[in-house]
Amino acid sequence: NFLDQVAEVADKDDTVVVYCASSDCQASPKAAKNLVNDGYENVYDYDRGLAGWKDADNEMA
């Protein structure tokens, strides 16, 4: 499941950025909420989507 996958690569005090495949998707806000509810402290929803994330040369895990 999603939370198990995140737990494999991030600790609860790490910065976690979630994003959708496109800027009009609604999955990343839900994912961010689930992470916060699970105890992750530094969660951000990047609203420009995967393409925007890659265009900004950000790191991917």
PDB file of N, CA and C in Angstrom:
ATOM      1  N   ASN A   1       0.832  -1.186   0.000  1.00  0.00           N
ATOM      2  CA  ASN A   1       0.000   0.000   0.000  1.00  0.00           C
ATOM      3  C   ASN A   1       0.877   1.249   0.000  1.00  0.00           C
ATOM      4  N   PHE A   2       0.276   2.376  -0.234  1.00  0.00           N
ATOM      5  CA  PHE A   2       1.004   3.640  -0.384  1.00  0.00           C
ATOM      6  C   PHE A   2       1.835   3.981   0.848  1.00  0.00           C
ATOM      7  N   LEU A   3       1.251   3.895   2.022  1.00  0.00           N
ATOM      8  CA  LEU A   3       1.975   4.263   3.238  1.00  0.00           C
ATOM      9  C   LEU A   3       3.161   3.338   3.482  1.00  0.00           C
ATOM     10  N   ASP A   4       3.015   2.057   3.173  1.00  0.00           N
ATOM     11  CA  ASP A   4       4.129   1.118   3.307  1.00  0.00           C
ATOM     12  C   ASP A   4       5.256   1.469   2.340  1.00  0.00           C
ATOM     13  N   GLN A   5       4.907   1.862   1.126  1.00  0.00           N
ATOM     14  CA  GLN A   5       5.917   2.240   0.134  1.00  0.00           C
ATOM     15  C   GLN A   5       6.688   3.477   0.592  1.00  0.00           C
ATOM     16  N   VAL A   6       5.989   4.447   1.136  1.00  0.00           N
ATOM     17  CA  VAL A   6       6.660   5.655   1.622  1.00  0.00           C
ATOM     18  C   VAL A   6       7.570   5.308   2.798  1.00  0.00           C
ATOM     19  N   ALA A   7       7.106   4.442   3.685  1.00  0.00           N
ATOM     20  CA  ALA A   7       7.895   4.062   4.857  1.00  0.00           C
ATOM     21  C   ALA A   7       9.219   3.406   4.469  1.00  0.00           C
ATOM     22  N   GLU A   8       9.279   2.782   3.298  1.00  0.00           N
ATOM     23  CA  GLU A   8      10.518   2.152   2.837  1.00  0.00           C
ATOM     24  C   GLU A   8      11.589   3.176   2.461  1.00  0.00           C
ATOM     25  N   VAL A   9      11.191   4.396   2.109  1.00  0.00           N
ATOM     26  CA  VAL A   9      12.161   5.391   1.626  1.00  0.00           C
ATOM     27  C   VAL A   9      12.234   6.658   2.479  1.00  0.00           C
ATOM     28  N   ALA A  10      11.325   6.830   3.433  1.00  0.00           N
ATOM     29  CA  ALA A  10      11.308   8.069   4.219  1.00  0.00           C
ATOM     30  C   ALA A  10      10.955   7.792   5.674  1.00  0.00           C
ATOM     31  N   ASP A  11      11.652   8.505   6.559  1.00  0.00           N
ATOM     32  CA  ASP A  11      11.300   8.483   7.975  1.00  0.00           C
ATOM     33  C   ASP A  11      10.217   9.527   8.221  1.00  0.00           C
ATOM     34  N   LYS A  12       9.540   9.419   9.346  1.00  0.00           N
ATOM     35  CA  LYS A  12       8.417  10.317   9.634  1.00  0.00           C
ATOM     36  C   LYS A  12       8.839  11.775   9.801  1.00  0.00           C
ATOM     37  N   ASP A  13      10.128  12.031  10.060  1.00  0.00           N
ATOM     38  CA  ASP A  13      10.577  13.417  10.180  1.00  0.00           C
ATOM     39  C   ASP A  13      11.283  13.925   8.916  1.00  0.00           C
ATOM     40  N   ASP A  14      11.342  13.108   7.865  1.00  0.00           N
ATOM     41  CA  ASP A  14      11.897  13.546   6.580  1.00  0.00           C
ATOM     42  C   ASP A  14      10.908  14.460   5.862  1.00  0.00           C
ATOM     43  N   THR A  15      11.416  15.240   4.933  1.00  0.00           N
ATOM     44  CA  THR A  15      10.544  16.025   4.064  1.00  0.00           C
ATOM     45  C   THR A  15      10.029  15.114   2.961  1.00  0.00           C
ATOM     46  N   VAL A  16       8.716  15.087   2.782  1.00  0.00           N
ATOM     47  CA  VAL A  16       8.086  14.265   1.748  1.00  0.00           C
ATOM     48  C   VAL A  16       7.252  15.180   0.862  1.00  0.00           C
ATOM     49  N   VAL A  17       7.511  15.120  -0.431  1.00  0.00           N
ATOM     50  CA  VAL A  17       6.751  15.903  -1.403  1.00  0.00           C
ATOM     51  C   VAL A  17       5.974  14.933  -2.272  1.00  0.00           C
ATOM     52  N   VAL A  18       4.667  15.158  -2.384  1.00  0.00           N
ATOM     53  CA  VAL A  18       3.825  14.332  -3.250  1.00  0.00           C
ATOM     54  C   VAL A  18       3.322  15.184  -4.402  1.00  0.00           C
ATOM     55  N   TYR A  19       3.083  14.528  -5.527  1.00  0.00           N
ATOM     56  CA  TYR A  19       2.580  15.234  -6.709  1.00  0.00           C
ATOM     57  C   TYR A  19       1.838  14.248  -7.581  1.00  0.00           C
ATOM     58  N   CYS A  20       0.979  14.772  -8.417  1.00  0.00           N
ATOM     59  CA  CYS A  20       0.200  13.956  -9.345  1.00  0.00           C
ATOM     60  C   CYS A  20       0.907  13.888 -10.691  1.00  0.00           C
ATOM     61  N   ALA A  21       0.355  13.084 -11.575  1.00  0.00           N
ATOM     62  CA  ALA A  21       0.886  12.990 -12.933  1.00  0.00           C
ATOM     63  C   ALA A  21       0.674  14.293 -13.694  1.00  0.00           C
ATOM     64  N   SER A  22      -0.385  15.017 -13.350  1.00  0.00           N
ATOM     65  CA  SER A  22      -0.666  16.290 -14.013  1.00  0.00           C
ATOM     66  C   SER A  22      -1.172  17.289 -12.976  1.00  0.00           C
ATOM     67  N   SER A  23      -1.266  18.543 -13.382  1.00  0.00           N
ATOM     68  CA  SER A  23      -1.670  19.581 -12.432  1.00  0.00           C
ATOM     69  C   SER A  23      -3.161  19.566 -12.116  1.00  0.00           C
ATOM     70  N   ASP A  24      -3.969  18.817 -12.884  1.00  0.00           N
ATOM     71  CA  ASP A  24      -5.409  18.790 -12.621  1.00  0.00           C
ATOM     72  C   ASP A  24      -5.861  17.534 -11.871  1.00  0.00           C
ATOM     73  N   CYS A  25      -4.939  16.771 -11.346  1.00  0.00           N
ATOM     74  CA  CYS A  25      -5.225  15.544 -10.599  1.00  0.00           C
ATOM     75  C   CYS A  25      -5.544  15.886  -9.137  1.00  0.00           C
ATOM     76  N   GLN A  26      -6.336  15.067  -8.492  1.00  0.00           N
ATOM     77  CA  GLN A  26      -6.690  15.298  -7.089  1.00  0.00           C
ATOM     78  C   GLN A  26      -6.137  14.240  -6.142  1.00  0.00           C
ATOM     79  N   ALA A  27      -5.270  13.358  -6.641  1.00  0.00           N
ATOM     80  CA  ALA A  27      -4.744  12.288  -5.793  1.00  0.00           C
ATOM     81  C   ALA A  27      -3.687  12.776  -4.802  1.00  0.00           C
ATOM     82  N   SER A  28      -2.858  13.734  -5.196  1.00  0.00           N
ATOM     83  CA  SER A  28      -1.775  14.151  -4.300  1.00  0.00           C
ATOM     84  C   SER A  28      -2.271  14.845  -3.028  1.00  0.00           C
ATOM     85  N   PRO A  29      -3.325  15.668  -3.071  1.00  0.00           N
ATOM     86  CA  PRO A  29      -3.814  16.217  -1.797  1.00  0.00           C
ATOM     87  C   PRO A  29      -4.301  15.122  -0.843  1.00  0.00           C
ATOM     88  N   LYS A  30      -4.927  14.096  -1.388  1.00  0.00           N
ATOM     89  CA  LYS A  30      -5.382  12.972  -0.557  1.00  0.00           C
ATOM     90  C   LYS A  30      -4.191  12.217   0.012  1.00  0.00           C
ATOM     91  N   ALA A  31      -3.162  12.008  -0.819  1.00  0.00           N
ATOM     92  CA  ALA A  31      -1.962  11.314  -0.353  1.00  0.00           C
ATOM     93  C   ALA A  31      -1.281  12.108   0.758  1.00  0.00           C
ATOM     94  N   ALA A  32      -1.188  13.418   0.583  1.00  0.00           N
ATOM     95  CA  ALA A  32      -0.569  14.266   1.601  1.00  0.00           C
ATOM     96  C   ALA A  32      -1.336  14.173   2.918  1.00  0.00           C
ATOM     97  N   LYS A  33      -2.638  14.199   2.844  1.00  0.00           N
ATOM     98  CA  LYS A  33      -3.465  14.100   4.053  1.00  0.00           C
ATOM     99  C   LYS A  33      -3.250  12.756   4.746  1.00  0.00           C
ATOM    100  N   ASN A  34      -3.182  11.672   3.967  1.00  0.00           N
ATOM    101  CA  ASN A  34      -2.942  10.349   4.545  1.00  0.00           C
ATOM    102  C   ASN A  34      -1.588  10.281   5.239  1.00  0.00           C
ATOM    103  N   LEU A  35      -0.573  10.895   4.640  1.00  0.00           N
ATOM    104  CA  LEU A  35       0.756  10.899   5.250  1.00  0.00           C
ATOM    105  C   LEU A  35       0.755  11.668   6.568  1.00  0.00           C
ATOM    106  N   VAL A  36       0.136  12.828   6.582  1.00  0.00           N
ATOM    107  CA  VAL A  36       0.053  13.618   7.815  1.00  0.00           C
ATOM    108  C   VAL A  36      -0.708  12.834   8.883  1.00  0.00           C
ATOM    109  N   ASN A  37      -1.805  12.218   8.504  1.00  0.00           N
ATOM    110  CA  ASN A  37      -2.586  11.422   9.453  1.00  0.00           C
ATOM    111  C   ASN A  37      -1.798  10.233   9.990  1.00  0.00           C
ATOM    112  N   ASP A  38      -0.818   9.758   9.204  1.00  0.00           N
ATOM    113  CA  ASP A  38       0.014   8.624   9.623  1.00  0.00           C
ATOM    114  C   ASP A  38       1.230   9.071  10.440  1.00  0.00           C
ATOM    115  N   GLY A  39       1.389  10.374  10.643  1.00  0.00           N
ATOM    116  CA  GLY A  39       2.455  10.863  11.504  1.00  0.00           C
ATOM    117  C   GLY A  39       3.637  11.508  10.812  1.00  0.00           C
ATOM    118  N   TYR A  40       3.590  11.642   9.496  1.00  0.00           N
ATOM    119  CA  TYR A  40       4.672  12.337   8.795  1.00  0.00           C
ATOM    120  C   TYR A  40       4.553  13.828   9.097  1.00  0.00           C
ATOM    121  N   GLU A  41       5.692  14.451   9.406  1.00  0.00           N
ATOM    122  CA  GLU A  41       5.687  15.815   9.926  1.00  0.00           C
ATOM    123  C   GLU A  41       5.901  16.896   8.877  1.00  0.00           C
ATOM    124  N   ASN A  42       6.575  16.585   7.786  1.00  0.00           N
ATOM    125  CA  ASN A  42       6.951  17.586   6.784  1.00  0.00           C
ATOM    126  C   ASN A  42       6.468  17.141   5.410  1.00  0.00           C
ATOM    127  N   VAL A  43       5.188  17.279   5.175  1.00  0.00           N
ATOM    128  CA  VAL A  43       4.567  16.798   3.938  1.00  0.00           C
ATOM    129  C   VAL A  43       4.104  17.992   3.114  1.00  0.00           C
ATOM    130  N   TYR A  44       4.436  17.953   1.832  1.00  0.00           N
ATOM    131  CA  TYR A  44       4.064  19.035   0.921  1.00  0.00           C
ATOM    132  C   TYR A  44       3.423  18.455  -0.329  1.00  0.00           C
ATOM    133  N   ASP A  45       2.381  19.107  -0.801  1.00  0.00           N
ATOM    134  CA  ASP A  45       1.708  18.739  -2.045  1.00  0.00           C
ATOM    135  C   ASP A  45       2.163  19.714  -3.126  1.00  0.00           C
ATOM    136  N   TYR A  46       2.897  19.203  -4.110  1.00  0.00           N
ATOM    137  CA  TYR A  46       3.412  20.031  -5.202  1.00  0.00           C
ATOM    138  C   TYR A  46       2.358  20.065  -6.299  1.00  0.00           C
ATOM    139  N   ASP A  47       1.735  21.212  -6.503  1.00  0.00           N
ATOM    140  CA  ASP A  47       0.552  21.292  -7.368  1.00  0.00           C
ATOM    141  C   ASP A  47       0.838  21.420  -8.860  1.00  0.00           C
ATOM    142  N   ARG A  48       2.111  21.437  -9.268  1.00  0.00           N
ATOM    143  CA  ARG A  48       2.428  21.534 -10.698  1.00  0.00           C
ATOM    144  C   ARG A  48       2.564  20.167 -11.362  1.00  0.00           C
ATOM    145  N   GLY A  49       2.387  19.101 -10.613  1.00  0.00           N
ATOM    146  CA  GLY A  49       2.422  17.762 -11.179  1.00  0.00           C
ATOM    147  C   GLY A  49       3.826  17.257 -11.467  1.00  0.00           C
ATOM    148  N   LEU A  50       3.890  16.037 -11.971  1.00  0.00           N
ATOM    149  CA  LEU A  50       5.164  15.386 -12.257  1.00  0.00           C
ATOM    150  C   LEU A  50       5.989  16.161 -13.274  1.00  0.00           C
ATOM    151  N   ALA A  51       5.362  16.642 -14.324  1.00  0.00           N
ATOM    152  CA  ALA A  51       6.098  17.391 -15.349  1.00  0.00           C
ATOM    153  C   ALA A  51       6.732  18.649 -14.756  1.00  0.00           C
ATOM    154  N   GLY A  52       5.994  19.362 -13.924  1.00  0.00           N
ATOM    155  CA  GLY A  52       6.531  20.557 -13.286  1.00  0.00           C
ATOM    156  C   GLY A  52       7.677  20.231 -12.346  1.00  0.00           C
ATOM    157  N   TRP A  53       7.559  19.114 -11.642  1.00  0.00           N
ATOM    158  CA  TRP A  53       8.614  18.678 -10.732  1.00  0.00           C
ATOM    159  C   TRP A  53       9.898  18.380 -11.507  1.00  0.00           C
ATOM    160  N   LYS A  54       9.758  17.640 -12.602  1.00  0.00           N
ATOM    161  CA  LYS A  54      10.926  17.312 -13.428  1.00  0.00           C
ATOM    162  C   LYS A  54      11.504  18.563 -14.088  1.00  0.00           C
ATOM    163  N   ASP A  55      10.640  19.449 -14.573  1.00  0.00           N
ATOM    164  CA  ASP A  55      11.110  20.690 -15.204  1.00  0.00           C
ATOM    165  C   ASP A  55      11.938  21.536 -14.241  1.00  0.00           C
ATOM    166  N   ALA A  56      11.626  21.444 -12.959  1.00  0.00           N
ATOM    167  CA  ALA A  56      12.351  22.205 -11.943  1.00  0.00           C
ATOM    168  C   ALA A  56      13.622  21.478 -11.485  1.00  0.00           C
ATOM    169  N   ASP A  57      13.928  20.335 -12.118  1.00  0.00           N
ATOM    170  CA  ASP A  57      15.121  19.535 -11.793  1.00  0.00           C
ATOM    171  C   ASP A  57      15.162  19.088 -10.339  1.00  0.00           C
ATOM    172  N   ASN A  58      14.007  18.735  -9.788  1.00  0.00           N
ATOM    173  CA  ASN A  58      13.943  18.246  -8.417  1.00  0.00           C
ATOM    174  C   ASN A  58      14.265  16.755  -8.364  1.00  0.00           C
ATOM    175  N   GLU A  59      14.730  16.311  -7.209  1.00  0.00           N
ATOM    176  CA  GLU A  59      15.107  14.916  -6.984  1.00  0.00           C
ATOM    177  C   GLU A  59      13.871  14.033  -6.889  1.00  0.00           C
ATOM    178  N   MET A  60      13.994  12.813  -7.387  1.00  0.00           N
ATOM    179  CA  MET A  60      12.903  11.838  -7.289  1.00  0.00           C
ATOM    180  C   MET A  60      13.401  10.615  -6.531  1.00  0.00           C
ATOM    181  N   ALA A  61      12.526  10.036  -5.703  1.00  0.00           N
ATOM    182  CA  ALA A  61      12.884   8.814  -4.968  1.00  0.00           C
ATOM    183  C   ALA A  61      12.155   7.636  -5.558  1.00  0.00           C
TER     184      ALA A  61
END
